[in-house]
Amino acid sequence: MATNMLGYADISTDKQIQMGLFIIKDNNGYMVAENTIKTCIEKANKAGMKVNADEIKFGMYVA
């Protein structure tokens, strides 16, 4: 109920989640996210900043 109220997919409806995952996969969501993170790091480096992390975690939510 809470996920539905926040605009996320209703976890009790498998069909809604499967459709969201299909859309993400169909739009190459993982590659878009990876390229976006790489671009952000490159731009930060060019601006004289450094990402001080050994690992970057990415989360994608079906809404």
PDB file of N, CA and C in Angstrom:
ATOM      1  N   MET A   1       0.826  -1.184   0.000  1.00  0.00           N
ATOM      2  CA  MET A   1       0.000   0.000   0.000  1.00  0.00           C
ATOM      3  C   MET A   1       0.876   1.256   0.000  1.00  0.00           C
ATOM      4  N   ALA A   2       1.926   1.281   0.811  1.00  0.00           N
ATOM      5  CA  ALA A   2       2.771   2.469   0.909  1.00  0.00           C
ATOM      6  C   ALA A   2       3.489   2.749  -0.409  1.00  0.00           C
ATOM      7  N   THR A   3       3.963   1.695  -1.090  1.00  0.00           N
ATOM      8  CA  THR A   3       4.651   1.914  -2.359  1.00  0.00           C
ATOM      9  C   THR A   3       3.700   2.515  -3.380  1.00  0.00           C
ATOM     10  N   ASN A   4       2.478   2.061  -3.384  1.00  0.00           N
ATOM     11  CA  ASN A   4       1.473   2.581  -4.306  1.00  0.00           C
ATOM     12  C   ASN A   4       1.180   4.049  -4.013  1.00  0.00           C
ATOM     13  N   MET A   5       1.117   4.416  -2.745  1.00  0.00           N
ATOM     14  CA  MET A   5       0.830   5.799  -2.351  1.00  0.00           C
ATOM     15  C   MET A   5       1.968   6.737  -2.766  1.00  0.00           C
ATOM     16  N   LEU A   6       3.193   6.238  -2.806  1.00  0.00           N
ATOM     17  CA  LEU A   6       4.347   7.059  -3.172  1.00  0.00           C
ATOM     18  C   LEU A   6       4.554   7.129  -4.684  1.00  0.00           C
ATOM     19  N   GLY A   7       3.756   6.415  -5.449  1.00  0.00           N
ATOM     20  CA  GLY A   7       3.870   6.436  -6.898  1.00  0.00           C
ATOM     21  C   GLY A   7       4.699   5.306  -7.470  1.00  0.00           C
ATOM     22  N   TYR A   8       5.236   4.445  -6.604  1.00  0.00           N
ATOM     23  CA  TYR A   8       5.997   3.291  -7.083  1.00  0.00           C
ATOM     24  C   TYR A   8       5.027   2.185  -7.491  1.00  0.00           C
ATOM     25  N   ALA A   9       5.540   1.219  -8.217  1.00  0.00           N
ATOM     26  CA  ALA A   9       4.709   0.098  -8.642  1.00  0.00           C
ATOM     27  C   ALA A   9       4.188  -0.650  -7.423  1.00  0.00           C
ATOM     28  N   ASP A  10       2.973  -1.100  -7.523  1.00  0.00           N
ATOM     29  CA  ASP A  10       2.342  -1.885  -6.455  1.00  0.00           C
ATOM     30  C   ASP A  10       3.002  -3.256  -6.420  1.00  0.00           C
ATOM     31  N   ILE A  11       3.685  -3.565  -5.326  1.00  0.00           N
ATOM     32  CA  ILE A  11       4.445  -4.818  -5.259  1.00  0.00           C
ATOM     33  C   ILE A  11       3.555  -6.057  -5.249  1.00  0.00           C
ATOM     34  N   SER A  12       2.260  -5.863  -5.033  1.00  0.00           N
ATOM     35  CA  SER A  12       1.359  -7.014  -5.060  1.00  0.00           C
ATOM     36  C   SER A  12       0.860  -7.304  -6.480  1.00  0.00           C
ATOM     37  N   THR A  13       1.219  -6.452  -7.446  1.00  0.00           N
ATOM     38  CA  THR A  13       0.797  -6.638  -8.830  1.00  0.00           C
ATOM     39  C   THR A  13       2.008  -6.986  -9.686  1.00  0.00           C
ATOM     40  N   ASP A  14       2.218  -8.269  -9.907  1.00  0.00           N
ATOM     41  CA  ASP A  14       3.360  -8.748 -10.672  1.00  0.00           C
ATOM     42  C   ASP A  14       3.353  -8.218 -12.102  1.00  0.00           C
ATOM     43  N   LYS A  15       2.190  -8.079 -12.695  1.00  0.00           N
ATOM     44  CA  LYS A  15       2.073  -7.625 -14.080  1.00  0.00           C
ATOM     45  C   LYS A  15       2.625  -6.211 -14.242  1.00  0.00           C
ATOM     46  N   GLN A  16       2.338  -5.344 -13.293  1.00  0.00           N
ATOM     47  CA  GLN A  16       2.798  -3.953 -13.345  1.00  0.00           C
ATOM     48  C   GLN A  16       4.334  -3.894 -13.251  1.00  0.00           C
ATOM     49  N   ILE A  17       4.898  -4.701 -12.385  1.00  0.00           N
ATOM     50  CA  ILE A  17       6.351  -4.725 -12.228  1.00  0.00           C
ATOM     51  C   ILE A  17       7.012  -5.308 -13.476  1.00  0.00           C
ATOM     52  N   GLN A  18       6.465  -6.373 -14.016  1.00  0.00           N
ATOM     53  CA  GLN A  18       7.018  -6.980 -15.233  1.00  0.00           C
ATOM     54  C   GLN A  18       6.999  -5.987 -16.401  1.00  0.00           C
ATOM     55  N   MET A  19       5.925  -5.204 -16.518  1.00  0.00           N
ATOM     56  CA  MET A  19       5.825  -4.208 -17.588  1.00  0.00           C
ATOM     57  C   MET A  19       6.899  -3.130 -17.397  1.00  0.00           C
ATOM     58  N   GLY A  20       7.092  -2.687 -16.168  1.00  0.00           N
ATOM     59  CA  GLY A  20       8.121  -1.691 -15.882  1.00  0.00           C
ATOM     60  C   GLY A  20       9.512  -2.198 -16.221  1.00  0.00           C
ATOM     61  N   LEU A  21       9.796  -3.440 -15.857  1.00  0.00           N
ATOM     62  CA  LEU A  21      11.098  -4.033 -16.163  1.00  0.00           C
ATOM     63  C   LEU A  21      11.302  -4.191 -17.672  1.00  0.00           C
ATOM     64  N   PHE A  22      10.241  -4.529 -18.382  1.00  0.00           N
ATOM     65  CA  PHE A  22      10.321  -4.642 -19.843  1.00  0.00           C
ATOM     66  C   PHE A  22      10.665  -3.283 -20.453  1.00  0.00           C
ATOM     67  N   ILE A  23      10.024  -2.232 -19.980  1.00  0.00           N
ATOM     68  CA  ILE A  23      10.274  -0.885 -20.512  1.00  0.00           C
ATOM     69  C   ILE A  23      11.717  -0.470 -20.245  1.00  0.00           C
ATOM     70  N   ILE A  24      12.198  -0.741 -19.025  1.00  0.00           N
ATOM     71  CA  ILE A  24      13.587  -0.409 -18.686  1.00  0.00           C
ATOM     72  C   ILE A  24      14.548  -1.165 -19.604  1.00  0.00           C
ATOM     73  N   LYS A  25      14.308  -2.455 -19.787  1.00  0.00           N
ATOM     74  CA  LYS A  25      15.175  -3.274 -20.642  1.00  0.00           C
ATOM     75  C   LYS A  25      15.091  -2.819 -22.092  1.00  0.00           C
ATOM     76  N   ASP A  26      13.884  -2.534 -22.572  1.00  0.00           N
ATOM     77  CA  ASP A  26      13.665  -2.112 -23.949  1.00  0.00           C
ATOM     78  C   ASP A  26      14.367  -0.787 -24.250  1.00  0.00           C
ATOM     79  N   ASN A  27      14.523   0.065 -23.244  1.00  0.00           N
ATOM     80  CA  ASN A  27      15.164   1.366 -23.412  1.00  0.00           C
ATOM     81  C   ASN A  27      16.630   1.361 -22.965  1.00  0.00           C
ATOM     82  N   ASN A  28      17.195   0.158 -22.806  1.00  0.00           N
ATOM     83  CA  ASN A  28      18.596   0.015 -22.406  1.00  0.00           C
ATOM     84  C   ASN A  28      18.905   0.805 -21.140  1.00  0.00           C
ATOM     85  N   GLY A  29      18.049   0.682 -20.148  1.00  0.00           N
ATOM     86  CA  GLY A  29      18.166   1.431 -18.896  1.00  0.00           C
ATOM     87  C   GLY A  29      19.516   1.274 -18.220  1.00  0.00           C
ATOM     88  N   TYR A  30      20.061   0.067 -18.223  1.00  0.00           N
ATOM     89  CA  TYR A  30      21.351  -0.157 -17.569  1.00  0.00           C
ATOM     90  C   TYR A  30      22.458   0.607 -18.292  1.00  0.00           C
ATOM     91  N   MET A  31      22.478   0.534 -19.619  1.00  0.00           N
ATOM     92  CA  MET A  31      23.520   1.225 -20.391  1.00  0.00           C
ATOM     93  C   MET A  31      23.387   2.745 -20.259  1.00  0.00           C
ATOM     94  N   VAL A  32      22.160   3.241 -20.259  1.00  0.00           N
ATOM     95  CA  VAL A  32      21.944   4.684 -20.083  1.00  0.00           C
ATOM     96  C   VAL A  32      22.484   5.125 -18.725  1.00  0.00           C
ATOM     97  N   ALA A  33      22.180   4.350 -17.691  1.00  0.00           N
ATOM     98  CA  ALA A  33      22.663   4.680 -16.347  1.00  0.00           C
ATOM     99  C   ALA A  33      24.184   4.628 -16.288  1.00  0.00           C
ATOM    100  N   GLU A  34      24.783   3.587 -16.838  1.00  0.00           N
ATOM    101  CA  GLU A  34      26.236   3.441 -16.814  1.00  0.00           C
ATOM    102  C   GLU A  34      26.921   4.591 -17.546  1.00  0.00           C
ATOM    103  N   ASN A  35      26.415   4.928 -18.728  1.00  0.00           N
ATOM    104  CA  ASN A  35      27.001   6.025 -19.501  1.00  0.00           C
ATOM    105  C   ASN A  35      26.831   7.363 -18.789  1.00  0.00           C
ATOM    106  N   THR A  36      25.695   7.565 -18.152  1.00  0.00           N
ATOM    107  CA  THR A  36      25.447   8.809 -17.418  1.00  0.00           C
ATOM    108  C   THR A  36      26.416   8.955 -16.256  1.00  0.00           C
ATOM    109  N   ILE A  37      26.620   7.885 -15.505  1.00  0.00           N
ATOM    110  CA  ILE A  37      27.554   7.927 -14.372  1.00  0.00           C
ATOM    111  C   ILE A  37      28.978   8.190 -14.869  1.00  0.00           C
ATOM    112  N   LYS A  38      29.388   7.516 -15.938  1.00  0.00           N
ATOM    113  CA  LYS A  38      30.726   7.730 -16.490  1.00  0.00           C
ATOM    114  C   LYS A  38      30.907   9.175 -16.950  1.00  0.00           C
ATOM    115  N   THR A  39      29.901   9.727 -17.612  1.00  0.00           N
ATOM    116  CA  THR A  39      29.961  11.110 -18.084  1.00  0.00           C
ATOM    117  C   THR A  39      30.079  12.079 -16.916  1.00  0.00           C
ATOM    118  N   CYS A  40      29.309  11.840 -15.862  1.00  0.00           N
ATOM    119  CA  CYS A  40      29.368  12.707 -14.682  1.00  0.00           C
ATOM    120  C   CYS A  40      30.750  12.674 -14.041  1.00  0.00           C
ATOM    121  N   ILE A  41      31.337  11.491 -13.942  1.00  0.00           N
ATOM    122  CA  ILE A  41      32.675  11.364 -13.356  1.00  0.00           C
ATOM    123  C   ILE A  41      33.706  12.076 -14.229  1.00  0.00           C
ATOM    124  N   GLU A  42      33.609  11.912 -15.541  1.00  0.00           N
ATOM    125  CA  GLU A  42      34.539  12.573 -16.453  1.00  0.00           C
ATOM    126  C   GLU A  42      34.440  14.090 -16.336  1.00  0.00           C
ATOM    127  N   LYS A  43      33.222  14.604 -16.295  1.00  0.00           N
ATOM    128  CA  LYS A  43      33.028  16.058 -16.183  1.00  0.00           C
ATOM    129  C   LYS A  43      33.527  16.581 -14.841  1.00  0.00           C
ATOM    130  N   ALA A  44      33.318  15.816 -13.794  1.00  0.00           N
ATOM    131  CA  ALA A  44      33.825  16.202 -12.478  1.00  0.00           C
ATOM    132  C   ALA A  44      35.348  16.247 -12.495  1.00  0.00           C
ATOM    133  N   ASN A  45      35.978  15.251 -13.099  1.00  0.00           N
ATOM    134  CA  ASN A  45      37.441  15.223 -13.200  1.00  0.00           C
ATOM    135  C   ASN A  45      37.970  16.417 -13.983  1.00  0.00           C
ATOM    136  N   LYS A  46      37.300  16.759 -15.081  1.00  0.00           N
ATOM    137  CA  LYS A  46      37.729  17.905 -15.890  1.00  0.00           C
ATOM    138  C   LYS A  46      37.570  19.219 -15.128  1.00  0.00           C
ATOM    139  N   ALA A  47      36.642  19.260 -14.189  1.00  0.00           N
ATOM    140  CA  ALA A  47      36.416  20.463 -13.380  1.00  0.00           C
ATOM    141  C   ALA A  47      37.319  20.497 -12.153  1.00  0.00           C
ATOM    142  N   GLY A  48      38.202  19.507 -12.038  1.00  0.00           N
ATOM    143  CA  GLY A  48      39.133  19.470 -10.927  1.00  0.00           C
ATOM    144  C   GLY A  48      38.595  18.795  -9.676  1.00  0.00           C
ATOM    145  N   MET A  49      37.479  18.120  -9.802  1.00  0.00           N
ATOM    146  CA  MET A  49      36.905  17.401  -8.670  1.00  0.00           C
ATOM    147  C   MET A  49      37.203  15.913  -8.814  1.00  0.00           C
ATOM    148  N   LYS A  50      37.092  15.201  -7.712  1.00  0.00           N
ATOM    149  CA  LYS A  50      37.356  13.768  -7.729  1.00  0.00           C
ATOM    150  C   LYS A  50      36.244  13.042  -6.983  1.00  0.00           C
ATOM    151  N   VAL A  51      35.802  11.936  -7.543  1.00  0.00           N
ATOM    152  CA  VAL A  51      34.842  11.079  -6.858  1.00  0.00           C
ATOM    153  C   VAL A  51      35.651  10.203  -5.912  1.00  0.00           C
ATOM    154  N   ASN A  52      35.460  10.417  -4.632  1.00  0.00           N
ATOM    155  CA  ASN A  52      36.242   9.708  -3.622  1.00  0.00           C
ATOM    156  C   ASN A  52      35.483   8.456  -3.177  1.00  0.00           C
ATOM    157  N   ALA A  53      35.463   7.460  -4.058  1.00  0.00           N
ATOM    158  CA  ALA A  53      34.745   6.215  -3.763  1.00  0.00           C
ATOM    159  C   ALA A  53      35.390   5.067  -4.526  1.00  0.00           C
ATOM    160  N   ASP A  54      35.399   3.927  -3.910  1.00  0.00           N
ATOM    161  CA  ASP A  54      35.896   2.728  -4.577  1.00  0.00           C
ATOM    162  C   ASP A  54      34.805   2.084  -5.422  1.00  0.00           C
ATOM    163  N   GLU A  55      33.557   2.394  -5.073  1.00  0.00           N
ATOM    164  CA  GLU A  55      32.422   1.750  -5.724  1.00  0.00           C
ATOM    165  C   GLU A  55      31.256   2.730  -5.766  1.00  0.00           C
ATOM    166  N   ILE A  56      30.511   2.687  -6.851  1.00  0.00           N
ATOM    167  CA  ILE A  56      29.293   3.491  -6.981  1.00  0.00           C
ATOM    168  C   ILE A  56      28.140   2.517  -7.151  1.00  0.00           C
ATOM    169  N   LYS A  57      27.132   2.667  -6.323  1.00  0.00           N
ATOM    170  CA  LYS A  57      25.946   1.806  -6.413  1.00  0.00           C
ATOM    171  C   LYS A  57      24.821   2.584  -7.069  1.00  0.00           C
ATOM    172  N   PHE A  58      24.098   1.900  -7.901  1.00  0.00           N
ATOM    173  CA  PHE A  58      23.005   2.509  -8.653  1.00  0.00           C
ATOM    174  C   PHE A  58      21.725   1.753  -8.371  1.00  0.00           C
ATOM    175  N   GLY A  59      20.664   2.483  -8.130  1.00  0.00           N
ATOM    176  CA  GLY A  59      19.355   1.869  -7.908  1.00  0.00           C
ATOM    177  C   GLY A  59      18.358   2.380  -8.926  1.00  0.00           C
ATOM    178  N   MET A  60      17.531   1.490  -9.426  1.00  0.00           N
ATOM    179  CA  MET A  60      16.490   1.868 -10.374  1.00  0.00           C
ATOM    180  C   MET A  60      15.159   1.371  -9.817  1.00  0.00           C
ATOM    181  N   TYR A  61      14.173   2.250  -9.805  1.00  0.00           N
ATOM    182  CA  TYR A  61      12.886   1.924  -9.208  1.00  0.00           C
ATOM    183  C   TYR A  61      11.785   1.941 -10.252  1.00  0.00           C
ATOM    184  N   VAL A  62      10.905   0.980 -10.183  1.00  0.00           N
ATOM    185  CA  VAL A  62       9.762   0.914 -11.095  1.00  0.00           C
ATOM    186  C   VAL A  62       8.651   1.751 -10.485  1.00  0.00           C
ATOM    187  N   ALA A  63       8.290   2.802 -11.184  1.00  0.00           N
ATOM    188  CA  ALA A  63       7.239   3.699 -10.672  1.00  0.00           C
ATOM    189  C   ALA A  63       6.140   3.860 -11.708  1.00  0.00           C
TER     190      ALA A  63
END
